[in-house]
């Protein structure tokens, strides 16, 4: 049975190979136009985007307690 890598681990392995096997070179990569660049550290940057940009809880409807612009 052969061992399969997850897509992120395969990208990480490719980046390590591309940098000559040096992990520090992967972190300091200067090829910013590479399609794998955002994934080079073995993480999906899109996965945690909603967690870090989360806003405090807001009511779904704010029109209940607001006065009507057209009058009472």
PDB file of N, CA and C in Angstrom:
ATOM      1  N   UNK A   1       0.848  -1.165   0.000  1.00  0.00           N
ATOM      2  CA  UNK A   1       0.000   0.000   0.000  1.00  0.00           C
ATOM      3  C   UNK A   1       0.902   1.239   0.000  1.00  0.00           C
ATOM      4  N   UNK A   2       0.613   2.190  -0.880  1.00  0.00           N
ATOM      5  CA  UNK A   2       1.416   3.407  -0.934  1.00  0.00           C
ATOM      6  C   UNK A   2       0.788   4.499  -0.079  1.00  0.00           C
ATOM      7  N   UNK A   3       1.635   5.395   0.374  1.00  0.00           N
ATOM      8  CA  UNK A   3       1.177   6.484   1.229  1.00  0.00           C
ATOM      9  C   UNK A   3       0.811   7.683   0.371  1.00  0.00           C
ATOM     10  N   UNK A   4      -0.383   8.241   0.582  1.00  0.00           N
ATOM     11  CA  UNK A   4      -0.841   9.404  -0.150  1.00  0.00           C
ATOM     12  C   UNK A   4      -0.710  10.644   0.724  1.00  0.00           C
ATOM     13  N   UNK A   5      -0.323  11.743   0.092  1.00  0.00           N
ATOM     14  CA  UNK A   5      -0.225  13.006   0.802  1.00  0.00           C
ATOM     15  C   UNK A   5      -1.494  13.820   0.567  1.00  0.00           C
ATOM     16  N   UNK A   6      -1.868  14.605   1.575  1.00  0.00           N
ATOM     17  CA  UNK A   6      -2.975  15.531   1.374  1.00  0.00           C
ATOM     18  C   UNK A   6      -2.503  16.599   0.393  1.00  0.00           C
ATOM     19  N   UNK A   7      -3.415  17.306  -0.248  1.00  0.00           N
ATOM     20  CA  UNK A   7      -2.987  18.342  -1.194  1.00  0.00           C
ATOM     21  C   UNK A   7      -2.062  19.385  -0.569  1.00  0.00           C
ATOM     22  N   UNK A   8      -2.348  19.826   0.653  1.00  0.00           N
ATOM     23  CA  UNK A   8      -1.488  20.820   1.297  1.00  0.00           C
ATOM     24  C   UNK A   8      -0.109  20.264   1.615  1.00  0.00           C
ATOM     25  N   UNK A   9      -0.051  19.008   2.023  1.00  0.00           N
ATOM     26  CA  UNK A   9       1.250  18.395   2.303  1.00  0.00           C
ATOM     27  C   UNK A   9       2.041  18.178   1.019  1.00  0.00           C
ATOM     28  N   UNK A  10       1.340  17.879  -0.057  1.00  0.00           N
ATOM     29  CA  UNK A  10       2.014  17.717  -1.349  1.00  0.00           C
ATOM     30  C   UNK A  10       2.574  19.059  -1.835  1.00  0.00           C
ATOM     31  N   UNK A  11       1.817  20.139  -1.630  1.00  0.00           N
ATOM     32  CA  UNK A  11       2.306  21.465  -1.996  1.00  0.00           C
ATOM     33  C   UNK A  11       3.523  21.824  -1.161  1.00  0.00           C
ATOM     34  N   UNK A  12       3.449  21.559   0.127  1.00  0.00           N
ATOM     35  CA  UNK A  12       4.575  21.841   1.029  1.00  0.00           C
ATOM     36  C   UNK A  12       5.812  21.059   0.581  1.00  0.00           C
ATOM     37  N   UNK A  13       5.636  19.781   0.256  1.00  0.00           N
ATOM     38  CA  UNK A  13       6.758  18.961  -0.193  1.00  0.00           C
ATOM     39  C   UNK A  13       7.340  19.503  -1.499  1.00  0.00           C
ATOM     40  N   UNK A  14       6.481  19.978  -2.394  1.00  0.00           N
ATOM     41  CA  UNK A  14       6.954  20.559  -3.644  1.00  0.00           C
ATOM     42  C   UNK A  14       7.765  21.825  -3.372  1.00  0.00           C
ATOM     43  N   UNK A  15       7.298  22.656  -2.451  1.00  0.00           N
ATOM     44  CA  UNK A  15       8.016  23.890  -2.131  1.00  0.00           C
ATOM     45  C   UNK A  15       9.375  23.592  -1.483  1.00  0.00           C
ATOM     46  N   UNK A  16       9.423  22.587  -0.647  1.00  0.00           N
ATOM     47  CA  UNK A  16      10.695  22.197  -0.037  1.00  0.00           C
ATOM     48  C   UNK A  16      11.659  21.709  -1.117  1.00  0.00           C
ATOM     49  N   UNK A  17      11.153  20.923  -2.048  1.00  0.00           N
ATOM     50  CA  UNK A  17      11.980  20.448  -3.155  1.00  0.00           C
ATOM     51  C   UNK A  17      12.458  21.609  -4.028  1.00  0.00           C
ATOM     52  N   UNK A  18      11.569  22.553  -4.301  1.00  0.00           N
ATOM     53  CA  UNK A  18      11.905  23.715  -5.131  1.00  0.00           C
ATOM     54  C   UNK A  18      12.982  24.579  -4.485  1.00  0.00           C
ATOM     55  N   UNK A  19      12.973  24.650  -3.144  1.00  0.00           N
ATOM     56  CA  UNK A  19      13.937  25.501  -2.437  1.00  0.00           C
ATOM     57  C   UNK A  19      15.233  24.768  -2.105  1.00  0.00           C
ATOM     58  N   UNK A  20      15.406  23.598  -2.642  1.00  0.00           N
ATOM     59  CA  UNK A  20      16.642  22.854  -2.414  1.00  0.00           C
ATOM     60  C   UNK A  20      16.660  22.123  -1.087  1.00  0.00           C
ATOM     61  N   UNK A  21      15.505  21.880  -0.515  1.00  0.00           N
ATOM     62  CA  UNK A  21      15.421  21.128   0.734  1.00  0.00           C
ATOM     63  C   UNK A  21      15.608  21.967   1.983  1.00  0.00           C
ATOM     64  N   UNK A  22      15.651  23.274   1.840  1.00  0.00           N
ATOM     65  CA  UNK A  22      15.862  24.156   2.985  1.00  0.00           C
ATOM     66  C   UNK A  22      14.536  24.761   3.419  1.00  0.00           C
ATOM     67  N   UNK A  23      14.118  24.459   4.646  1.00  0.00           N
ATOM     68  CA  UNK A  23      12.838  24.947   5.139  1.00  0.00           C
ATOM     69  C   UNK A  23      12.808  26.465   5.271  1.00  0.00           C
ATOM     70  N   UNK A  24      13.927  27.063   5.645  1.00  0.00           N
ATOM     71  CA  UNK A  24      13.983  28.516   5.784  1.00  0.00           C
ATOM     72  C   UNK A  24      13.776  29.197   4.436  1.00  0.00           C
ATOM     73  N   UNK A  25      14.266  28.586   3.377  1.00  0.00           N
ATOM     74  CA  UNK A  25      14.084  29.148   2.034  1.00  0.00           C
ATOM     75  C   UNK A  25      12.621  29.109   1.614  1.00  0.00           C
ATOM     76  N   UNK A  26      11.884  28.111   2.076  1.00  0.00           N
ATOM     77  CA  UNK A  26      10.457  28.041   1.775  1.00  0.00           C
ATOM     78  C   UNK A  26       9.751  29.227   2.437  1.00  0.00           C
ATOM     79  N   UNK A  27      10.084  29.487   3.680  1.00  0.00           N
ATOM     80  CA  UNK A  27       9.468  30.602   4.406  1.00  0.00           C
ATOM     81  C   UNK A  27       9.837  31.940   3.775  1.00  0.00           C
ATOM     82  N   UNK A  28      11.076  32.077   3.312  1.00  0.00           N
ATOM     83  CA  UNK A  28      11.564  33.329   2.742  1.00  0.00           C
ATOM     84  C   UNK A  28      11.452  33.356   1.215  1.00  0.00           C
ATOM     85  N   UNK A  29      10.581  32.570   0.658  1.00  0.00           N
ATOM     86  CA  UNK A  29      10.441  32.458  -0.795  1.00  0.00           C
ATOM     87  C   UNK A  29      10.191  33.830  -1.420  1.00  0.00           C
ATOM     88  N   UNK A  30      10.872  34.089  -2.532  1.00  0.00           N
ATOM     89  CA  UNK A  30      10.746  35.378  -3.215  1.00  0.00           C
ATOM     90  C   UNK A  30       9.924  35.266  -4.502  1.00  0.00           C
ATOM     91  N   UNK A  31       9.420  34.092  -4.811  1.00  0.00           N
ATOM     92  CA  UNK A  31       8.637  33.897  -6.029  1.00  0.00           C
ATOM     93  C   UNK A  31       7.157  34.118  -5.686  1.00  0.00           C
ATOM     94  N   UNK A  32       6.774  35.376  -5.545  1.00  0.00           N
ATOM     95  CA  UNK A  32       5.429  35.731  -5.111  1.00  0.00           C
ATOM     96  C   UNK A  32       4.366  35.455  -6.169  1.00  0.00           C
ATOM     97  N   UNK A  33       4.749  35.336  -7.424  1.00  0.00           N
ATOM     98  CA  UNK A  33       3.761  35.065  -8.469  1.00  0.00           C
ATOM     99  C   UNK A  33       3.525  33.569  -8.679  1.00  0.00           C
ATOM    100  N   UNK A  34       4.134  32.729  -7.893  1.00  0.00           N
ATOM    101  CA  UNK A  34       3.912  31.283  -7.960  1.00  0.00           C
ATOM    102  C   UNK A  34       2.493  30.982  -7.464  1.00  0.00           C
ATOM    103  N   UNK A  35       1.732  30.155  -8.185  1.00  0.00           N
ATOM    104  CA  UNK A  35       0.370  29.850  -7.734  1.00  0.00           C
ATOM    105  C   UNK A  35       0.321  29.103  -6.401  1.00  0.00           C
ATOM    106  N   UNK A  36       1.424  28.480  -6.012  1.00  0.00           N
ATOM    107  CA  UNK A  36       1.463  27.741  -4.752  1.00  0.00           C
ATOM    108  C   UNK A  36       1.951  28.606  -3.586  1.00  0.00           C
ATOM    109  N   UNK A  37       2.383  29.814  -3.861  1.00  0.00           N
ATOM    110  CA  UNK A  37       2.985  30.678  -2.841  1.00  0.00           C
ATOM    111  C   UNK A  37       2.129  30.804  -1.573  1.00  0.00           C
ATOM    112  N   UNK A  38       0.832  31.073  -1.662  1.00  0.00           N
ATOM    113  CA  UNK A  38       0.041  31.216  -0.427  1.00  0.00           C
ATOM    114  C   UNK A  38      -0.047  29.929   0.400  1.00  0.00           C
ATOM    115  N   UNK A  39       0.193  28.786  -0.232  1.00  0.00           N
ATOM    116  CA  UNK A  39       0.047  27.492   0.431  1.00  0.00           C
ATOM    117  C   UNK A  39       1.385  26.884   0.836  1.00  0.00           C
ATOM    118  N   UNK A  40       2.486  27.592   0.639  1.00  0.00           N
ATOM    119  CA  UNK A  40       3.831  27.037   0.801  1.00  0.00           C
ATOM    120  C   UNK A  40       4.134  26.575   2.220  1.00  0.00           C
ATOM    121  N   UNK A  41       3.456  27.131   3.216  1.00  0.00           N
ATOM    122  CA  UNK A  41       3.715  26.743   4.599  1.00  0.00           C
ATOM    123  C   UNK A  41       2.838  25.563   5.049  1.00  0.00           C
ATOM    124  N   UNK A  42       2.081  24.996   4.119  1.00  0.00           N
ATOM    125  CA  UNK A  42       1.255  23.833   4.435  1.00  0.00           C
ATOM    126  C   UNK A  42      -0.076  24.196   5.051  1.00  0.00           C
ATOM    127  N   UNK A  43      -0.501  25.446   4.867  1.00  0.00           N
ATOM    128  CA  UNK A  43      -1.797  25.895   5.385  1.00  0.00           C
ATOM    129  C   UNK A  43      -2.585  26.569   4.277  1.00  0.00           C
ATOM    130  N   UNK A  44      -3.902  26.453   4.374  1.00  0.00           N
ATOM    131  CA  UNK A  44      -4.785  27.102   3.419  1.00  0.00           C
ATOM    132  C   UNK A  44      -5.151  28.472   3.982  1.00  0.00           C
ATOM    133  N   UNK A  45      -4.683  29.552   3.375  1.00  0.00           N
ATOM    134  CA  UNK A  45      -4.960  30.877   3.928  1.00  0.00           C
ATOM    135  C   UNK A  45      -6.433  31.252   3.847  1.00  0.00           C
ATOM    136  N   UNK A  46      -7.193  30.634   2.979  1.00  0.00           N
ATOM    137  CA  UNK A  46      -8.618  30.941   2.841  1.00  0.00           C
ATOM    138  C   UNK A  46      -9.468  30.282   3.911  1.00  0.00           C
ATOM    139  N   UNK A  47      -8.956  29.259   4.539  1.00  0.00           N
ATOM    140  CA  UNK A  47      -9.736  28.528   5.522  1.00  0.00           C
ATOM    141  C   UNK A  47      -9.987  29.329   6.781  1.00  0.00           C
ATOM    142  N   UNK A  48      -9.025  30.123   7.198  1.00  0.00           N
ATOM    143  CA  UNK A  48      -9.136  30.859   8.449  1.00  0.00           C
ATOM    144  C   UNK A  48      -9.515  32.317   8.245  1.00  0.00           C
ATOM    145  N   UNK A  49      -9.847  32.707   7.037  1.00  0.00           N
ATOM    146  CA  UNK A  49     -10.151  34.096   6.735  1.00  0.00           C
ATOM    147  C   UNK A  49     -11.390  34.576   7.492  1.00  0.00           C
ATOM    148  N   UNK A  50     -12.433  33.786   7.567  1.00  0.00           N
ATOM    149  CA  UNK A  50     -13.654  34.198   8.240  1.00  0.00           C
ATOM    150  C   UNK A  50     -13.488  34.283   9.746  1.00  0.00           C
ATOM    151  N   UNK A  51     -12.617  33.490  10.307  1.00  0.00           N
ATOM    152  CA  UNK A  51     -12.407  33.508  11.755  1.00  0.00           C
ATOM    153  C   UNK A  51     -11.710  34.792  12.170  1.00  0.00           C
ATOM    154  N   UNK A  52     -10.718  35.222  11.430  1.00  0.00           N
ATOM    155  CA  UNK A  52      -9.974  36.409  11.813  1.00  0.00           C
ATOM    156  C   UNK A  52     -10.718  37.692  11.483  1.00  0.00           C
ATOM    157  N   UNK A  53     -11.620  37.666  10.515  1.00  0.00           N
ATOM    158  CA  UNK A  53     -12.367  38.855  10.145  1.00  0.00           C
ATOM    159  C   UNK A  53     -13.767  38.884  10.754  1.00  0.00           C
ATOM    160  N   UNK A  54     -13.983  38.059  11.754  1.00  0.00           N
ATOM    161  CA  UNK A  54     -15.293  37.948  12.351  1.00  0.00           C
ATOM    162  C   UNK A  54     -15.681  39.237  13.057  1.00  0.00           C
ATOM    163  N   UNK A  55     -16.908  39.660  12.881  1.00  0.00           N
ATOM    164  CA  UNK A  55     -17.411  40.850  13.542  1.00  0.00           C
ATOM    165  C   UNK A  55     -18.226  40.438  14.753  1.00  0.00           C
ATOM    166  N   UNK A  56     -18.386  41.350  15.727  1.00  0.00           N
ATOM    167  CA  UNK A  56     -19.205  41.017  16.892  1.00  0.00           C
ATOM    168  C   UNK A  56     -20.642  40.722  16.466  1.00  0.00           C
ATOM    169  N   UNK A  57     -21.341  40.002  17.322  1.00  0.00           N
ATOM    170  CA  UNK A  57     -22.725  39.640  17.012  1.00  0.00           C
ATOM    171  C   UNK A  57     -23.564  40.896  16.809  1.00  0.00           C
ATOM    172  N   UNK A  58     -24.314  40.918  15.725  1.00  0.00           N
ATOM    173  CA  UNK A  58     -25.213  42.017  15.417  1.00  0.00           C
ATOM    174  C   UNK A  58     -26.604  41.436  15.224  1.00  0.00           C
ATOM    175  N   UNK A  59     -27.621  42.202  15.556  1.00  0.00           N
ATOM    176  CA  UNK A  59     -28.970  41.693  15.282  1.00  0.00           C
ATOM    177  C   UNK A  59     -29.190  41.585  13.778  1.00  0.00           C
ATOM    178  N   UNK A  60     -29.984  40.615  13.387  1.00  0.00           N
ATOM    179  CA  UNK A  60     -30.227  40.412  11.971  1.00  0.00           C
ATOM    180  C   UNK A  60     -31.024  41.560  11.365  1.00  0.00           C
ATOM    181  N   UNK A  61     -31.939  42.099  12.132  1.00  0.00           N
ATOM    182  CA  UNK A  61     -32.752  43.191  11.632  1.00  0.00           C
ATOM    183  C   UNK A  61     -32.623  44.369  12.585  1.00  0.00           C
ATOM    184  N   UNK A  62     -32.209  45.524  12.080  1.00  0.00           N
ATOM    185  CA  UNK A  62     -32.064  46.708  12.923  1.00  0.00           C
ATOM    186  C   UNK A  62     -33.189  47.700  12.678  1.00  0.00           C
ATOM    187  N   UNK A  63     -34.153  47.329  11.851  1.00  0.00           N
ATOM    188  CA  UNK A  63     -35.223  48.261  11.502  1.00  0.00           C
ATOM    189  C   UNK A  63     -36.341  48.282  12.536  1.00  0.00           C
ATOM    190  N   UNK A  64     -36.375  47.367  13.468  1.00  0.00           N
ATOM    191  CA  UNK A  64     -37.454  47.295  14.442  1.00  0.00           C
ATOM    192  C   UNK A  64     -37.480  48.513  15.362  1.00  0.00           C
ATOM    193  N   UNK A  65     -36.316  48.967  15.835  1.00  0.00           N
ATOM    194  CA  UNK A  65     -36.261  50.038  16.812  1.00  0.00           C
ATOM    195  C   UNK A  65     -35.878  51.380  16.190  1.00  0.00           C
ATOM    196  N   UNK A  66     -35.721  51.444  14.893  1.00  0.00           N
ATOM    197  CA  UNK A  66     -35.334  52.688  14.235  1.00  0.00           C
ATOM    198  C   UNK A  66     -36.577  53.419  13.752  1.00  0.00           C
ATOM    199  N   UNK A  67     -36.587  54.756  13.876  1.00  0.00           N
ATOM    200  CA  UNK A  67     -37.743  55.500  13.378  1.00  0.00           C
ATOM    201  C   UNK A  67     -37.815  55.441  11.862  1.00  0.00           C
ATOM    202  N   UNK A  68     -39.003  55.533  11.345  1.00  0.00           N
ATOM    203  CA  UNK A  68     -39.226  55.488   9.912  1.00  0.00           C
ATOM    204  C   UNK A  68     -38.829  56.833   9.316  1.00  0.00           C
ATOM    205  N   UNK A  69     -38.116  56.828   8.199  1.00  0.00           N
ATOM    206  CA  UNK A  69     -37.649  58.052   7.567  1.00  0.00           C
ATOM    207  C   UNK A  69     -38.810  58.858   6.993  1.00  0.00           C
ATOM    208  N   UNK A  70     -39.911  58.246   6.650  1.00  0.00           N
ATOM    209  CA  UNK A  70     -41.034  58.926   6.041  1.00  0.00           C
ATOM    210  C   UNK A  70     -42.033  59.472   7.057  1.00  0.00           C
ATOM    211  N   UNK A  71     -41.769  59.298   8.303  1.00  0.00           N
ATOM    212  CA  UNK A  71     -42.668  59.814   9.332  1.00  0.00           C
ATOM    213  C   UNK A  71     -43.078  58.722  10.289  1.00  0.00           C
ATOM    214  N   UNK A  72     -43.929  59.060  11.294  1.00  0.00           N
ATOM    215  CA  UNK A  72     -44.346  58.065  12.303  1.00  0.00           C
ATOM    216  C   UNK A  72     -45.248  56.995  11.828  1.00  0.00           C
TER     217      UNK A  72
END
